Amino acid sequence: MEKFLKEKASRRAFLTKGCLFLTSFGIYPGFFDSLTKKAWAKRDTLSLREAMFYKRLANNIVQCGVCFRGCILKEGERSFCRNKENMDGRLYNLVYGRPSAVHVDPIEKEPSLHMLPGTNILCFGTAGCNFRCKFCQNWHLSQRSIEEMEYTYDLLPEEAVKIAIKKRIPTISFTYNEPTSFYEYVYDIARLAKKRGLRILWHSNGGMNPEPLKELLKYTDAVTIDLKGFTNKFYQDTSSAKLEPVLRTLKIIREEGRWLEIVNLHIPTLNDNPDDVKKMCLWIKENLGEYTPLHFSRFFPAYKLTNLPPTPIKKLEQAYKIAKGVGLEYVTIGNVPGHKHNSTFCSNCGKRLIHRIHFTVETNNLTEGKCKFCGHKIPGIWK
């Protein structure tokens, strides 16, 4: 894997110094376009994937339909996520086959704690995002355009799937930046991966529109959603986004029967009000079910939000108690290595099922998805 990535990185560095390169041809047309028209176009020396789920309007104007923003773009304009551009009245994805991050991670890092514990995931990320989170840990990817990347890899969907199979990695994950912003790449990899028996996981801010969301969920096993806060003010002030589309996404994932886990990055003074935390937990219980895992993650200063201290552990423990108090069964605390509640406990007998230290699984007391001690069935993906 390491050798492969070095070869790809050096190749990209070589190409960006002046050598001509072309990626392969795409296979899916724009959603609102005729199936007989080509899904790719050339711009300078690049081949580009035509976007899915967009409308062609009058005067060569297009409207992207993948996320809640619905960007309306004149010729030459780019979407809010920086990854879509109107070229001659058609919308193209600029980062298709050009990931800026390819890594093997433990699945616990996602976090996805009720899915194949102790296994690895093959992760892909690109430039761009449809949010502007001031606290983003991966801002060097998410808050940049493809031109601002120091390097990218040439990696078409077929190659991505082959890597996972060769390395015997059971799950492909789309993470680091927002999968919505490289939707077509995610979609094509997911379709191919499912045909080869791989699992698909993605970590999202939840801003995807219902139609593309449902289409992608056809090829998805599990989703981790960041529920960043529970007020519109927080979403607007810190992420230039909205809460309602995220809540809608959570409901759809549950309705479609895909495994769902939720992460709440707990930021001092901004989204840690106990009343709001309780409202959030009650909403999760009432709309998604008490068995939906909720992870409270510790904030550390990053990007444009460096004036605040790391989250006090007591605040995380307070949030944990609130969540358990309203009846959520599987609540954890993240980014605090060694904390007791980084582990998963049986909701029936209370014994520790999966003992974790940060991203490492020390012991796993599940037998065929059931508690080894009392036989209680634990929801999740275990094989």
Protein backbone atom coordinates (compact mmCIF):
# COMPACT_ATOMS: atom_id res chain seq x y z
CA MET A 1 0.00 0.00 0.00
CA GLU A 2 2.73 2.43 0.99
CA LYS A 3 4.67 1.66 -2.17
CA PHE A 4 1.54 2.13 -4.26
CA LEU A 5 0.79 5.54 -2.77
CA LYS A 6 4.36 6.74 -3.19
CA GLU A 7 4.28 5.71 -6.83
CA LYS A 8 0.99 7.50 -7.38
CA ALA A 9 2.11 10.64 -5.57
CA SER A 10 5.36 10.85 -7.49
CA ARG A 11 3.53 10.27 -10.72
CA ARG A 12 1.16 13.12 -9.96
CA ALA A 13 4.06 15.40 -9.06
CA PHE A 14 5.70 14.53 -12.37
CA LEU A 15 2.55 15.13 -14.36
CA THR A 16 1.78 18.45 -12.76
CA LYS A 17 5.15 19.73 -13.94
CA GLY A 18 4.01 19.61 -17.52
CA CYS A 19 3.28 16.11 -18.75
CA LEU A 20 -0.04 15.39 -20.35
CA PHE A 21 -2.32 13.04 -18.48
CA LEU A 22 -5.82 11.71 -19.07
CA THR A 23 -8.04 9.73 -16.82
CA SER A 24 -10.40 7.10 -18.20
CA PHE A 25 -13.90 7.58 -19.55
CA GLY A 26 -16.98 7.85 -17.33
CA ILE A 27 -20.07 5.67 -17.48
CA TYR A 28 -22.95 7.67 -16.03
CA PRO A 29 -24.60 10.71 -17.64
CA GLY A 30 -25.90 13.76 -15.84
CA PHE A 31 -29.13 12.88 -14.07
CA PHE A 32 -31.33 15.27 -16.04
CA ASP A 33 -29.60 14.59 -19.35
CA SER A 34 -30.17 12.21 -22.20
CA LEU A 35 -28.65 8.76 -21.70
CA THR A 36 -27.19 8.95 -25.20
CA LYS A 37 -24.88 11.88 -24.47
CA LYS A 38 -21.31 11.46 -23.31
CA ALA A 39 -20.65 11.86 -19.59
CA TRP A 40 -17.20 13.33 -20.03
CA ALA A 41 -15.70 16.44 -21.59
CA LYS A 42 -12.17 17.69 -21.97
CA ARG A 43 -10.88 20.88 -20.47
CA ASP A 44 -7.25 21.73 -21.11
CA THR A 45 -5.43 18.45 -20.36
CA LEU A 46 -8.00 16.98 -17.96
CA SER A 47 -10.88 14.59 -18.53
CA LEU A 48 -13.85 15.38 -16.31
CA ARG A 49 -16.83 13.42 -15.02
CA GLU A 50 -20.21 14.97 -15.77
CA ALA A 51 -22.16 15.53 -12.57
CA MET A 52 -25.21 13.57 -11.53
CA PHE A 53 -28.40 15.18 -10.23
CA TYR A 54 -28.29 18.56 -11.90
CA LYS A 55 -30.63 20.58 -14.08
CA ARG A 56 -29.83 22.44 -17.27
CA LEU A 57 -31.60 25.78 -17.27
CA ALA A 58 -31.94 28.52 -19.88
CA ASN A 59 -28.93 30.43 -21.21
CA ASN A 60 -26.47 27.64 -20.38
CA ILE A 61 -27.15 28.03 -16.65
CA VAL A 62 -27.15 24.86 -14.51
CA GLN A 63 -28.41 24.02 -11.04
CA CYS A 64 -26.70 21.40 -8.90
CA GLY A 65 -29.09 19.17 -6.98
CA VAL A 66 -26.80 17.05 -4.84
CA CYS A 67 -26.94 19.12 -1.64
CA PHE A 68 -29.31 21.52 0.08
CA ARG A 69 -27.59 24.59 -1.39
CA GLY A 70 -28.85 24.02 -4.94
CA CYS A 71 -26.08 26.12 -6.47
CA ILE A 72 -27.18 27.95 -9.63
CA LEU A 73 -24.16 28.50 -11.85
CA LYS A 74 -23.49 30.50 -14.98
CA GLU A 75 -20.84 29.36 -17.44
CA GLY A 76 -17.43 29.23 -15.77
CA GLU A 77 -18.80 29.44 -12.23
CA ARG A 78 -18.07 26.90 -9.49
CA SER A 79 -20.26 25.47 -6.79
CA PHE A 80 -20.01 26.37 -3.12
CA CYS A 81 -18.09 23.12 -2.48
CA ARG A 82 -15.51 24.19 -5.11
CA ASN A 83 -15.75 20.84 -6.90
CA LYS A 84 -18.39 21.41 -9.59
CA GLU A 85 -18.06 23.76 -12.55
CA ASN A 86 -20.38 24.85 -15.34
CA MET A 87 -18.62 24.26 -18.65
CA ASP A 88 -20.61 25.24 -21.72
CA GLY A 89 -23.91 24.63 -19.96
CA ARG A 90 -23.00 21.29 -18.41
CA LEU A 91 -21.92 20.58 -14.84
CA TYR A 92 -18.70 18.67 -14.23
CA ASN A 93 -17.03 17.16 -11.19
CA LEU A 94 -13.43 18.39 -10.98
CA VAL A 95 -12.08 15.86 -8.45
CA TYR A 96 -13.30 12.58 -9.95
CA GLY A 97 -10.50 10.01 -9.80
CA ARG A 98 -8.26 12.56 -8.09
CA PRO A 99 -8.31 11.88 -4.33
CA SER A 100 -5.99 13.93 -2.17
CA ALA A 101 -6.03 11.44 0.69
CA VAL A 102 -5.87 7.64 0.51
CA HIS A 103 -5.25 5.88 3.81
CA VAL A 104 -5.86 2.67 5.71
CA ASP A 105 -7.46 3.41 9.09
CA PRO A 106 -9.04 1.38 11.87
CA ILE A 107 -12.81 1.51 11.55
CA GLU A 108 -12.95 2.88 15.11
CA LYS A 109 -11.39 6.11 13.84
CA GLU A 110 -14.43 6.90 11.67
CA PRO A 111 -15.98 6.35 14.25
CA SER A 112 -18.17 3.38 13.42
CA LEU A 113 -18.19 1.39 16.63
CA HIS A 114 -20.98 -1.08 15.85
CA MET A 115 -19.50 -2.26 12.57
CA LEU A 116 -16.82 -4.95 12.16
CA PRO A 117 -14.82 -3.91 15.26
CA GLY A 118 -11.06 -4.23 15.01
CA THR A 119 -11.02 -4.23 11.20
CA ASN A 120 -9.46 -1.75 8.78
CA ILE A 121 -11.11 0.58 6.28
CA LEU A 122 -9.66 1.94 3.04
CA CYS A 123 -10.38 5.68 3.18
CA PHE A 124 -10.67 8.23 0.39
CA GLY A 125 -10.91 12.00 0.59
CA THR A 126 -10.61 14.86 -1.89
CA ALA A 127 -10.53 18.62 -1.86
CA GLY A 128 -13.72 20.55 -1.14
CA CYS A 129 -16.74 20.66 1.15
CA ASN A 130 -20.23 22.18 1.13
CA PHE A 131 -19.83 23.41 4.74
CA ARG A 132 -17.44 26.04 6.11
CA CYS A 133 -16.81 24.69 9.62
CA LYS A 134 -14.51 27.00 11.55
CA PHE A 135 -13.33 24.05 13.67
CA CYS A 136 -12.56 21.61 10.85
CA GLN A 137 -9.72 19.23 11.68
CA ASN A 138 -9.21 18.46 7.98
CA TRP A 139 -9.41 22.01 6.67
CA HIS A 140 -6.29 21.50 4.53
CA LEU A 141 -8.50 19.24 2.36
CA SER A 142 -12.06 20.40 2.91
CA GLN A 143 -11.48 24.14 2.67
CA ARG A 144 -9.39 24.09 -0.49
CA SER A 145 -9.96 23.61 -4.19
CA ILE A 146 -8.32 20.92 -6.29
CA GLU A 147 -5.79 23.46 -7.63
CA GLU A 148 -4.64 24.22 -4.10
CA MET A 149 -3.75 20.62 -3.32
CA GLU A 150 -0.03 19.93 -3.08
CA TYR A 151 -0.61 16.65 -4.87
CA THR A 152 -3.40 14.27 -5.82
CA TYR A 153 -3.49 10.63 -6.86
CA ASP A 154 -4.64 9.28 -10.21
CA LEU A 155 -7.06 6.65 -8.98
CA LEU A 156 -10.15 5.63 -10.90
CA PRO A 157 -12.93 3.62 -9.18
CA GLU A 158 -11.77 0.28 -10.59
CA GLU A 159 -8.30 0.81 -9.14
CA ALA A 160 -9.69 1.87 -5.77
CA VAL A 161 -11.69 -1.34 -5.48
CA LYS A 162 -8.72 -3.45 -6.56
CA ILE A 163 -6.60 -1.99 -3.75
CA ALA A 164 -9.15 -2.99 -1.11
CA ILE A 165 -9.42 -6.51 -2.51
CA LYS A 166 -5.67 -6.96 -2.84
CA LYS A 167 -5.08 -5.75 0.71
CA ARG A 168 -8.05 -7.79 2.02
CA ILE A 169 -9.67 -4.69 3.51
CA PRO A 170 -13.39 -5.44 3.96
CA THR A 171 -14.70 -1.86 3.89
CA ILE A 172 -14.19 1.22 1.74
CA SER A 173 -14.88 4.53 3.47
CA PHE A 174 -15.33 8.07 2.17
CA THR A 175 -14.20 10.52 4.80
CA TYR A 176 -11.76 13.35 5.68
CA ASN A 177 -13.83 15.79 3.61
CA GLU A 178 -17.51 15.77 2.71
CA PRO A 179 -18.52 12.86 0.39
CA THR A 180 -21.35 15.00 -1.00
CA SER A 181 -18.75 17.20 -2.67
CA PHE A 182 -17.28 14.26 -4.60
CA TYR A 183 -20.55 12.39 -4.99
CA GLU A 184 -19.94 10.89 -8.43
CA TYR A 185 -16.63 9.35 -7.37
CA VAL A 186 -18.22 7.92 -4.23
CA TYR A 187 -21.16 6.56 -6.19
CA ASP A 188 -19.10 4.84 -8.87
CA ILE A 189 -16.72 3.25 -6.36
CA ALA A 190 -19.61 2.10 -4.18
CA ARG A 191 -21.39 0.41 -7.10
CA LEU A 192 -18.27 -1.45 -8.14
CA ALA A 193 -17.30 -2.34 -4.59
CA LYS A 194 -20.67 -3.88 -3.76
CA LYS A 195 -20.38 -6.12 -6.82
CA ARG A 196 -17.10 -7.41 -5.39
CA GLY A 197 -18.52 -8.12 -1.95
CA LEU A 198 -17.02 -5.12 -0.13
CA ARG A 199 -18.82 -3.00 2.42
CA ILE A 200 -19.35 0.75 1.98
CA LEU A 201 -19.19 3.31 4.78
CA TRP A 202 -19.17 7.10 4.57
CA HIS A 203 -18.86 9.94 7.06
CA SER A 204 -20.95 12.99 6.22
CA ASN A 205 -22.18 16.34 7.49
CA GLY A 206 -25.67 15.29 6.42
CA GLY A 207 -26.34 18.04 3.89
CA MET A 208 -27.21 15.77 0.94
CA ASN A 209 -30.55 16.10 -0.81
CA PRO A 210 -33.07 13.23 -0.50
CA GLU A 211 -32.93 11.89 -4.08
CA PRO A 212 -29.14 11.52 -4.40
CA LEU A 213 -29.03 10.31 -0.80
CA LYS A 214 -31.48 7.48 -1.46
CA GLU A 215 -29.65 6.54 -4.65
CA LEU A 216 -26.31 6.30 -2.84
CA LEU A 217 -27.83 4.38 0.06
CA LYS A 218 -28.63 1.56 -2.37
CA TYR A 219 -24.90 0.79 -2.34
CA THR A 220 -24.18 1.72 1.28
CA ASP A 221 -23.92 -0.41 4.40
CA ALA A 222 -23.39 2.23 7.07
CA VAL A 223 -23.21 5.99 7.55
CA THR A 224 -21.67 8.12 10.27
CA ILE A 225 -23.27 11.57 10.46
CA ASP A 226 -21.92 14.62 12.25
CA LEU A 227 -24.76 16.21 14.17
CA LYS A 228 -22.69 19.26 14.94
CA GLY A 229 -25.16 20.95 17.25
CA PHE A 230 -28.87 21.33 17.75
CA THR A 231 -29.60 24.97 16.94
CA ASN A 232 -29.80 26.77 13.62
CA LYS A 233 -27.69 29.56 15.08
CA PHE A 234 -24.80 27.20 15.77
CA TYR A 235 -24.94 25.75 12.25
CA GLN A 236 -25.11 29.18 10.66
CA ASP A 237 -22.44 30.83 12.81
CA THR A 238 -19.84 28.06 12.79
CA SER A 239 -20.49 26.14 9.55
CA SER A 240 -22.43 28.51 7.24
CA ALA A 241 -25.01 25.74 7.06
CA LYS A 242 -28.45 24.68 8.30
CA LEU A 243 -29.69 22.14 10.83
CA GLU A 244 -32.90 21.04 9.08
CA PRO A 245 -31.27 19.24 6.09
CA VAL A 246 -29.15 17.22 8.54
CA LEU A 247 -32.17 16.09 10.53
CA ARG A 248 -33.89 15.15 7.26
CA THR A 249 -30.87 13.10 6.21
CA LEU A 250 -30.80 11.23 9.52
CA LYS A 251 -34.45 10.27 9.16
CA ILE A 252 -33.96 9.04 5.59
CA ILE A 253 -30.98 6.87 6.52
CA ARG A 254 -33.03 5.26 9.27
CA GLU A 255 -36.06 4.81 6.98
CA GLU A 256 -33.88 3.17 4.32
CA GLY A 257 -32.62 0.66 6.86
CA ARG A 258 -28.91 1.48 6.74
CA TRP A 259 -26.76 1.31 9.83
CA LEU A 260 -26.40 4.77 11.37
CA GLU A 261 -24.11 6.28 13.98
CA ILE A 262 -23.95 9.91 15.10
CA VAL A 263 -21.01 12.06 16.19
CA ASN A 264 -21.34 15.28 18.17
CA LEU A 265 -18.12 17.28 18.45
CA HIS A 266 -18.60 18.94 21.82
CA ILE A 267 -17.25 22.52 21.61
CA PRO A 268 -16.94 24.59 24.80
CA THR A 269 -19.47 27.46 25.02
CA LEU A 270 -20.77 26.91 21.47
CA ASN A 271 -22.83 23.69 21.42
CA ASP A 272 -22.45 22.26 24.94
CA ASN A 273 -25.51 23.85 26.56
CA PRO A 274 -27.11 21.03 28.62
CA ASP A 275 -30.64 21.99 27.55
CA ASP A 276 -29.69 21.78 23.87
CA VAL A 277 -27.87 18.50 24.44
CA LYS A 278 -30.99 17.06 26.06
CA LYS A 279 -33.19 18.26 23.19
CA MET A 280 -30.81 16.63 20.72
CA CYS A 281 -30.78 13.33 22.59
CA LEU A 282 -34.56 13.28 22.89
CA TRP A 283 -34.88 13.97 19.15
CA ILE A 284 -32.53 11.08 18.38
CA LYS A 285 -34.50 8.71 20.61
CA GLU A 286 -37.88 9.73 19.23
CA ASN A 287 -36.93 9.87 15.55
CA LEU A 288 -34.09 7.37 15.14
CA GLY A 289 -34.47 4.97 18.03
CA GLU A 290 -32.81 4.55 21.40
CA TYR A 291 -30.35 2.01 19.98
CA THR A 292 -28.71 4.59 17.64
CA PRO A 293 -25.09 5.04 18.80
CA LEU A 294 -24.16 8.59 19.79
CA HIS A 295 -20.51 9.59 20.17
CA PHE A 296 -19.54 12.73 22.05
CA SER A 297 -16.14 13.71 20.70
CA ARG A 298 -13.63 15.99 22.39
CA PHE A 299 -12.86 19.25 20.58
CA PHE A 300 -9.31 20.47 20.10
CA PRO A 301 -8.48 23.94 18.72
CA ALA A 302 -8.15 23.92 14.94
CA TYR A 303 -8.40 26.01 11.78
CA LYS A 304 -10.28 29.24 12.57
CA LEU A 305 -11.38 28.23 16.04
CA THR A 306 -8.19 28.34 18.08
CA ASN A 307 -9.38 30.72 20.78
CA LEU A 308 -11.19 27.99 22.73
CA PRO A 309 -9.60 25.32 24.95
CA PRO A 310 -10.05 21.57 24.45
CA THR A 311 -13.37 20.30 25.76
CA PRO A 312 -13.20 19.67 29.52
CA ILE A 313 -13.68 15.97 30.12
CA LYS A 314 -16.33 16.78 32.73
CA LYS A 315 -18.44 18.43 30.02
CA LEU A 316 -18.23 15.27 27.91
CA GLU A 317 -19.20 13.18 30.92
CA GLN A 318 -22.11 15.52 31.59
CA ALA A 319 -23.33 15.07 28.02
CA TYR A 320 -22.93 11.30 28.38
CA LYS A 321 -25.13 11.31 31.49
CA ILE A 322 -27.77 13.41 29.74
CA ALA A 323 -27.90 11.00 26.80
CA LYS A 324 -28.12 7.95 29.03
CA GLY A 325 -30.68 9.71 31.19
CA VAL A 326 -33.12 10.20 28.31
CA GLY A 327 -32.78 6.55 27.34
CA LEU A 328 -30.13 6.30 24.62
CA GLU A 329 -28.56 2.86 24.96
CA TYR A 330 -25.20 3.20 23.23
CA VAL A 331 -23.32 6.37 24.11
CA THR A 332 -19.55 6.81 23.97
CA ILE A 333 -16.91 9.46 24.58
CA GLY A 334 -14.24 9.94 21.91
CA ASN A 335 -10.86 11.66 21.60
CA VAL A 336 -10.11 10.84 25.26
CA PRO A 337 -7.80 7.81 25.06
CA GLY A 338 -8.30 5.44 27.96
CA HIS A 339 -11.65 6.82 29.07
CA LYS A 340 -14.04 4.16 30.34
CA HIS A 341 -16.86 5.33 28.10
CA ASN A 342 -14.82 4.96 24.93
CA SER A 343 -15.91 1.33 25.25
CA THR A 344 -19.28 -0.21 24.39
CA PHE A 345 -21.41 -1.71 27.15
CA CYS A 346 -24.36 -4.10 26.94
CA SER A 347 -27.62 -2.18 27.32
CA ASN A 348 -29.15 -5.17 29.07
CA CYS A 349 -26.63 -6.47 31.63
CA GLY A 350 -24.27 -3.49 31.68
CA LYS A 351 -21.08 -5.48 31.14
CA ARG A 352 -18.34 -4.24 28.83
CA LEU A 353 -18.79 -5.69 25.37
CA ILE A 354 -16.02 -4.01 23.39
CA HIS A 355 -13.07 -2.68 25.34
CA ARG A 356 -11.37 0.12 23.41
CA ILE A 357 -8.41 2.30 24.08
CA HIS A 358 -8.82 5.13 21.60
CA PHE A 359 -8.91 3.34 18.21
CA THR A 360 -7.62 -0.02 19.44
CA VAL A 361 -9.93 -2.89 20.35
CA GLU A 362 -8.53 -4.70 23.39
CA THR A 363 -11.31 -7.27 23.86
CA ASN A 364 -14.51 -8.13 22.02
CA ASN A 365 -17.19 -9.95 24.01
CA LEU A 366 -19.69 -10.30 21.21
CA THR A 367 -20.72 -13.70 19.92
CA GLU A 368 -22.63 -13.63 16.64
CA GLY A 369 -23.82 -10.12 17.44
CA LYS A 370 -24.96 -11.00 20.95
CA CYS A 371 -23.61 -10.19 24.41
CA LYS A 372 -21.43 -13.09 25.54
CA PHE A 373 -22.61 -12.64 29.13
CA CYS A 374 -26.41 -12.38 28.82
CA GLY A 375 -27.21 -13.19 25.18
CA HIS A 376 -28.76 -9.79 24.46
CA LYS A 377 -28.75 -8.96 20.74
CA ILE A 378 -26.65 -5.86 20.01
CA PRO A 379 -27.63 -3.83 16.92
CA GLY A 380 -24.91 -3.28 14.34
CA ILE A 381 -22.96 -4.97 11.55
CA TRP A 382 -20.82 -7.69 13.05
CA LYS A 383 -19.83 -9.89 10.11
